[in-house]
PDB file of N, CA and C in Angstrom:
ATOM      1  N   MET A   1      10.765  17.417 -18.005  1.00  0.00           N
ATOM      2  CA  MET A   1      10.932  16.008 -17.699  1.00  0.00           C
ATOM      3  C   MET A   1      10.144  15.193 -18.717  1.00  0.00           C
ATOM      4  N   GLU A   2      10.774  14.163 -19.252  1.00  0.00           N
ATOM      5  CA  GLU A   2      10.126  13.297 -20.229  1.00  0.00           C
ATOM      6  C   GLU A   2       9.050  12.437 -19.559  1.00  0.00           C
ATOM      7  N   LEU A   3       8.113  11.981 -20.357  1.00  0.00           N
ATOM      8  CA  LEU A   3       6.999  11.189 -19.842  1.00  0.00           C
ATOM      9  C   LEU A   3       7.474   9.939 -19.112  1.00  0.00           C
ATOM     10  N   TYR A   4       8.423   9.206 -19.697  1.00  0.00           N
ATOM     11  CA  TYR A   4       8.894   7.973 -19.053  1.00  0.00           C
ATOM     12  C   TYR A   4       9.560   8.263 -17.713  1.00  0.00           C
ATOM     13  N   GLU A   5      10.203   9.417 -17.579  1.00  0.00           N
ATOM     14  CA  GLU A   5      10.803   9.789 -16.298  1.00  0.00           C
ATOM     15  C   GLU A   5       9.713  10.077 -15.267  1.00  0.00           C
ATOM     16  N   ARG A   6       8.642  10.714 -15.715  1.00  0.00           N
ATOM     17  CA  ARG A   6       7.524  10.993 -14.808  1.00  0.00           C
ATOM     18  C   ARG A   6       6.903   9.680 -14.313  1.00  0.00           C
ATOM     19  N   VAL A   7       6.743   8.712 -15.206  1.00  0.00           N
ATOM     20  CA  VAL A   7       6.171   7.420 -14.807  1.00  0.00           C
ATOM     21  C   VAL A   7       7.057   6.748 -13.771  1.00  0.00           C
ATOM     22  N   GLU A   8       8.353   6.761 -13.991  1.00  0.00           N
ATOM     23  CA  GLU A   8       9.280   6.118 -13.062  1.00  0.00           C
ATOM     24  C   GLU A   8       9.286   6.779 -11.690  1.00  0.00           C
ATOM     25  N   ASN A   9       8.850   8.031 -11.610  1.00  0.00           N
ATOM     26  CA  ASN A   9       8.848   8.752 -10.343  1.00  0.00           C
ATOM     27  C   ASN A   9       7.532   8.651  -9.582  1.00  0.00           C
ATOM     28  N   ILE A  10       6.579   7.869 -10.086  1.00  0.00           N
ATOM     29  CA  ILE A  10       5.312   7.697  -9.368  1.00  0.00           C
ATOM     30  C   ILE A  10       5.537   6.723  -8.215  1.00  0.00           C
ATOM     31  N   LYS A  11       5.433   7.255  -7.012  1.00  0.00           N
ATOM     32  CA  LYS A  11       5.658   6.443  -5.806  1.00  0.00           C
ATOM     33  C   LYS A  11       4.493   6.534  -4.823  1.00  0.00           C
ATOM     34  N   SER A  12       3.570   7.447  -5.084  1.00  0.00           N
ATOM     35  CA  SER A  12       2.473   7.649  -4.143  1.00  0.00           C
ATOM     36  C   SER A  12       1.206   8.035  -4.900  1.00  0.00           C
ATOM     37  N   ARG A  13       0.131   8.088  -4.169  1.00  0.00           N
ATOM     38  CA  ARG A  13      -1.149   8.514  -4.743  1.00  0.00           C
ATOM     39  C   ARG A  13      -1.035   9.939  -5.284  1.00  0.00           C
ATOM     40  N   GLU A  14      -0.379  10.794  -4.533  1.00  0.00           N
ATOM     41  CA  GLU A  14      -0.205  12.186  -4.943  1.00  0.00           C
ATOM     42  C   GLU A  14       0.613  12.284  -6.232  1.00  0.00           C
ATOM     43  N   ASP A  15       1.647  11.446  -6.346  1.00  0.00           N
ATOM     44  CA  ASP A  15       2.450  11.421  -7.573  1.00  0.00           C
ATOM     45  C   ASP A  15       1.593  11.007  -8.770  1.00  0.00           C
ATOM     46  N   LEU A  16       0.719  10.024  -8.567  1.00  0.00           N
ATOM     47  CA  LEU A  16      -0.164   9.571  -9.648  1.00  0.00           C
ATOM     48  C   LEU A  16      -1.122  10.681 -10.049  1.00  0.00           C
ATOM     49  N   ILE A  17      -1.648  11.398  -9.078  1.00  0.00           N
ATOM     50  CA  ILE A  17      -2.552  12.514  -9.365  1.00  0.00           C
ATOM     51  C   ILE A  17      -1.826  13.572 -10.195  1.00  0.00           C
ATOM     52  N   LYS A  18      -0.610  13.911  -9.814  1.00  0.00           N
ATOM     53  CA  LYS A  18       0.178  14.896 -10.554  1.00  0.00           C
ATOM     54  C   LYS A  18       0.461  14.410 -11.981  1.00  0.00           C
ATOM     55  N   PHE A  19       0.762  13.116 -12.117  1.00  0.00           N
ATOM     56  CA  PHE A  19       1.047  12.547 -13.431  1.00  0.00           C
ATOM     57  C   PHE A  19      -0.177  12.630 -14.336  1.00  0.00           C
ATOM     58  N   ILE A  20      -1.335  12.262 -13.821  1.00  0.00           N
ATOM     59  CA  ILE A  20      -2.565  12.319 -14.616  1.00  0.00           C
ATOM     60  C   ILE A  20      -2.887  13.761 -14.980  1.00  0.00           C
ATOM     61  N   ASN A  21      -2.666  14.676 -14.066  1.00  0.00           N
ATOM     62  CA  ASN A  21      -2.865  16.093 -14.352  1.00  0.00           C
ATOM     63  C   ASN A  21      -1.942  16.548 -15.486  1.00  0.00           C
ATOM     64  N   HIS A  22      -0.696  16.096 -15.442  1.00  0.00           N
ATOM     65  CA  HIS A  22       0.254  16.426 -16.509  1.00  0.00           C
ATOM     66  C   HIS A  22      -0.234  15.877 -17.849  1.00  0.00           C
ATOM     67  N   LEU A  23      -0.715  14.647 -17.863  1.00  0.00           N
ATOM     68  CA  LEU A  23      -1.227  14.056 -19.101  1.00  0.00           C
ATOM     69  C   LEU A  23      -2.403  14.859 -19.646  1.00  0.00           C
ATOM     70  N   ARG A  24      -3.322  15.231 -18.765  1.00  0.00           N
ATOM     71  CA  ARG A  24      -4.500  15.993 -19.187  1.00  0.00           C
ATOM     72  C   ARG A  24      -4.096  17.334 -19.797  1.00  0.00           C
ATOM     73  N   LYS A  25      -3.182  18.032 -19.140  1.00  0.00           N
ATOM     74  CA  LYS A  25      -2.722  19.326 -19.662  1.00  0.00           C
ATOM     75  C   LYS A  25      -1.988  19.158 -20.988  1.00  0.00           C
ATOM     76  N   ASP A  26      -1.207  18.086 -21.113  1.00  0.00           N
ATOM     77  CA  ASP A  26      -0.502  17.843 -22.367  1.00  0.00           C
ATOM     78  C   ASP A  26      -1.487  17.555 -23.492  1.00  0.00           C
ATOM     79  N   LEU A  27      -2.526  16.789 -23.199  1.00  0.00           N
ATOM     80  CA  LEU A  27      -3.559  16.518 -24.206  1.00  0.00           C
ATOM     81  C   LEU A  27      -4.225  17.808 -24.653  1.00  0.00           C
ATOM     82  N   GLN A  28      -4.502  18.696 -23.712  1.00  0.00           N
ATOM     83  CA  GLN A  28      -5.148  19.968 -24.056  1.00  0.00           C
ATOM     84  C   GLN A  28      -4.268  20.822 -24.961  1.00  0.00           C
ATOM     85  N   SER A  29      -2.980  20.836 -24.713  1.00  0.00           N
ATOM     86  CA  SER A  29      -2.099  21.726 -25.472  1.00  0.00           C
ATOM     87  C   SER A  29      -1.423  21.056 -26.668  1.00  0.00           C
ATOM     88  N   ASN A  30      -1.398  19.726 -26.713  1.00  0.00           N
ATOM     89  CA  ASN A  30      -0.699  19.008 -27.790  1.00  0.00           C
ATOM     90  C   ASN A  30      -1.547  17.875 -28.371  1.00  0.00           C
ATOM     91  N   SER A  31      -2.831  18.076 -28.502  1.00  0.00           N
ATOM     92  CA  SER A  31      -3.704  16.966 -28.919  1.00  0.00           C
ATOM     93  C   SER A  31      -3.329  16.392 -30.279  1.00  0.00           C
ATOM     94  N   ALA A  32      -2.716  17.182 -31.147  1.00  0.00           N
ATOM     95  CA  ALA A  32      -2.317  16.672 -32.464  1.00  0.00           C
ATOM     96  C   ALA A  32      -1.256  15.595 -32.351  1.00  0.00           C
ATOM     97  N   GLU A  33      -0.529  15.568 -31.245  1.00  0.00           N
ATOM     98  CA  GLU A  33       0.528  14.578 -31.046  1.00  0.00           C
ATOM     99  C   GLU A  33       0.025  13.306 -30.369  1.00  0.00           C
ATOM    100  N   TRP A  34      -1.221  13.318 -29.915  1.00  0.00           N
ATOM    101  CA  TRP A  34      -1.787  12.165 -29.227  1.00  0.00           C
ATOM    102  C   TRP A  34      -2.498  11.256 -30.220  1.00  0.00           C
ATOM    103  N   GLU A  35      -2.352   9.958 -30.041  1.00  0.00           N
ATOM    104  CA  GLU A  35      -3.037   9.007 -30.908  1.00  0.00           C
ATOM    105  C   GLU A  35      -4.489   8.845 -30.495  1.00  0.00           C
ATOM    106  N   ASN A  36      -4.774   8.839 -29.205  1.00  0.00           N
ATOM    107  CA  ASN A  36      -6.127   8.622 -28.684  1.00  0.00           C
ATOM    108  C   ASN A  36      -6.611   9.897 -28.005  1.00  0.00           C
ATOM    109  N   ILE A  37      -7.366  10.709 -28.750  1.00  0.00           N
ATOM    110  CA  ILE A  37      -7.766  12.000 -28.186  1.00  0.00           C
ATOM    111  C   ILE A  37      -9.180  12.005 -27.612  1.00  0.00           C
ATOM    112  N   THR A  38      -9.919  10.917 -27.823  1.00  0.00           N
ATOM    113  CA  THR A  38     -11.250  10.816 -27.215  1.00  0.00           C
ATOM    114  C   THR A  38     -11.241   9.658 -26.213  1.00  0.00           C
ATOM    115  N   LEU A  39     -12.180   9.694 -25.300  1.00  0.00           N
ATOM    116  CA  LEU A  39     -12.298   8.611 -24.333  1.00  0.00           C
ATOM    117  C   LEU A  39     -12.579   7.290 -25.043  1.00  0.00           C
ATOM    118  N   GLU A  40     -13.396   7.327 -26.062  1.00  0.00           N
ATOM    119  CA  GLU A  40     -13.697   6.104 -26.817  1.00  0.00           C
ATOM    120  C   GLU A  40     -12.429   5.514 -27.442  1.00  0.00           C
ATOM    121  N   ASP A  41     -11.608   6.359 -28.053  1.00  0.00           N
ATOM    122  CA  ASP A  41     -10.342   5.896 -28.637  1.00  0.00           C
ATOM    123  C   ASP A  41      -9.438   5.299 -27.570  1.00  0.00           C
ATOM    124  N   TYR A  42      -9.365   5.968 -26.439  1.00  0.00           N
ATOM    125  CA  TYR A  42      -8.506   5.508 -25.347  1.00  0.00           C
ATOM    126  C   TYR A  42      -8.965   4.148 -24.823  1.00  0.00           C
ATOM    127  N   LEU A  43     -10.264   4.008 -24.582  1.00  0.00           N
ATOM    128  CA  LEU A  43     -10.784   2.741 -24.064  1.00  0.00           C
ATOM    129  C   LEU A  43     -10.594   1.608 -25.072  1.00  0.00           C
ATOM    130  N   GLU A  44     -10.759   1.895 -26.355  1.00  0.00           N
ATOM    131  CA  GLU A  44     -10.523   0.883 -27.386  1.00  0.00           C
ATOM    132  C   GLU A  44      -9.060   0.443 -27.382  1.00  0.00           C
ATOM    133  N   ALA A  45      -8.143   1.407 -27.267  1.00  0.00           N
ATOM    134  CA  ALA A  45      -6.716   1.079 -27.228  1.00  0.00           C
ATOM    135  C   ALA A  45      -6.379   0.286 -25.963  1.00  0.00           C
ATOM    136  N   MET A  46      -6.988   0.649 -24.832  1.00  0.00           N
ATOM    137  CA  MET A  46      -6.743  -0.083 -23.585  1.00  0.00           C
ATOM    138  C   MET A  46      -7.225  -1.524 -23.704  1.00  0.00           C
ATOM    139  N   GLU A  47      -8.390  -1.702 -24.279  1.00  0.00           N
ATOM    140  CA  GLU A  47      -8.925  -3.048 -24.490  1.00  0.00           C
ATOM    141  C   GLU A  47      -7.985  -3.879 -25.360  1.00  0.00           C
ATOM    142  N   ALA A  48      -7.494  -3.300 -26.450  1.00  0.00           N
ATOM    143  CA  ALA A  48      -6.595  -4.015 -27.353  1.00  0.00           C
ATOM    144  C   ALA A  48      -5.293  -4.378 -26.652  1.00  0.00           C
ATOM    145  N   TRP A  49      -4.751  -3.440 -25.870  1.00  0.00           N
ATOM    146  CA  TRP A  49      -3.495  -3.713 -25.166  1.00  0.00           C
ATOM    147  C   TRP A  49      -3.672  -4.841 -24.158  1.00  0.00           C
ATOM    148  N   ILE A  50      -4.765  -4.806 -23.405  1.00  0.00           N
ATOM    149  CA  ILE A  50      -5.013  -5.854 -22.401  1.00  0.00           C
ATOM    150  C   ILE A  50      -5.184  -7.202 -23.082  1.00  0.00           C
ATOM    151  N   ASN A  51      -5.855  -7.232 -24.233  1.00  0.00           N
ATOM    152  CA  ASN A  51      -6.008  -8.493 -24.974  1.00  0.00           C
ATOM    153  C   ASN A  51      -4.661  -9.049 -25.419  1.00  0.00           C
ATOM    154  N   ASP A  52      -3.705  -8.180 -25.720  1.00  0.00           N
ATOM    155  CA  ASP A  52      -2.406  -8.605 -26.243  1.00  0.00           C
ATOM    156  C   ASP A  52      -1.298  -8.663 -25.196  1.00  0.00           C
ATOM    157  N   MET A  53      -1.566  -8.271 -23.949  1.00  0.00           N
ATOM    158  CA  MET A  53      -0.476  -8.113 -22.989  1.00  0.00           C
ATOM    159  C   MET A  53       0.213  -9.433 -22.626  1.00  0.00           C
ATOM    160  N   ASP A  54      -0.471 -10.561 -22.699  1.00  0.00           N
ATOM    161  CA  ASP A  54       0.209 -11.830 -22.421  1.00  0.00           C
ATOM    162  C   ASP A  54       1.369 -12.037 -23.385  1.00  0.00           C
ATOM    163  N   GLY A  55       1.136 -11.782 -24.657  1.00  0.00           N
ATOM    164  CA  GLY A  55       2.198 -11.900 -25.649  1.00  0.00           C
ATOM    165  C   GLY A  55       3.323 -10.925 -25.399  1.00  0.00           C
ATOM    166  N   TYR A  56       2.985  -9.714 -24.987  1.00  0.00           N
ATOM    167  CA  TYR A  56       4.027  -8.715 -24.685  1.00  0.00           C
ATOM    168  C   TYR A  56       4.926  -9.219 -23.556  1.00  0.00           C
ATOM    169  N   TYR A  57       4.316  -9.696 -22.483  1.00  0.00           N
ATOM    170  CA  TYR A  57       5.117 -10.157 -21.355  1.00  0.00           C
ATOM    171  C   TYR A  57       5.895 -11.448 -21.670  1.00  0.00           C
ATOM    172  N   LEU A  58       5.322 -12.321 -22.486  1.00  0.00           N
ATOM    173  CA  LEU A  58       6.053 -13.514 -22.898  1.00  0.00           C
ATOM    174  C   LEU A  58       7.306 -13.143 -23.699  1.00  0.00           C
ATOM    175  N   ASN A  59       7.172 -12.141 -24.557  1.00  0.00           N
ATOM    176  CA  ASN A  59       8.297 -11.708 -25.379  1.00  0.00           C
ATOM    177  C   ASN A  59       9.343 -10.921 -24.602  1.00  0.00           C
ATOM    178  N   ASN A  60       8.970 -10.421 -23.434  1.00  0.00           N
ATOM    179  CA  ASN A  60       9.891  -9.614 -22.624  1.00  0.00           C
ATOM    180  C   ASN A  60      10.245 -10.289 -21.300  1.00  0.00           C
ATOM    181  N   ASN A  61      10.008 -11.591 -21.247  1.00  0.00           N
ATOM    182  CA  ASN A  61      10.284 -12.391 -20.048  1.00  0.00           C
ATOM    183  C   ASN A  61       9.582 -11.829 -18.837  1.00  0.00           C
TER     184      ASN A  61
END
């Protein structure tokens, strides 16, 4: 199942737990494919996205 399909299927707390577990396992086995492989990188990217999200939503109605 593709990542976007997994996100669309999150309907409960348990689904979210399974999704995060899937992400963690994917990072462990495919870290070369991940852009943010450290917590610091991830938090920096999250900060940047939150700073820019108003523009994203304005552009996507």
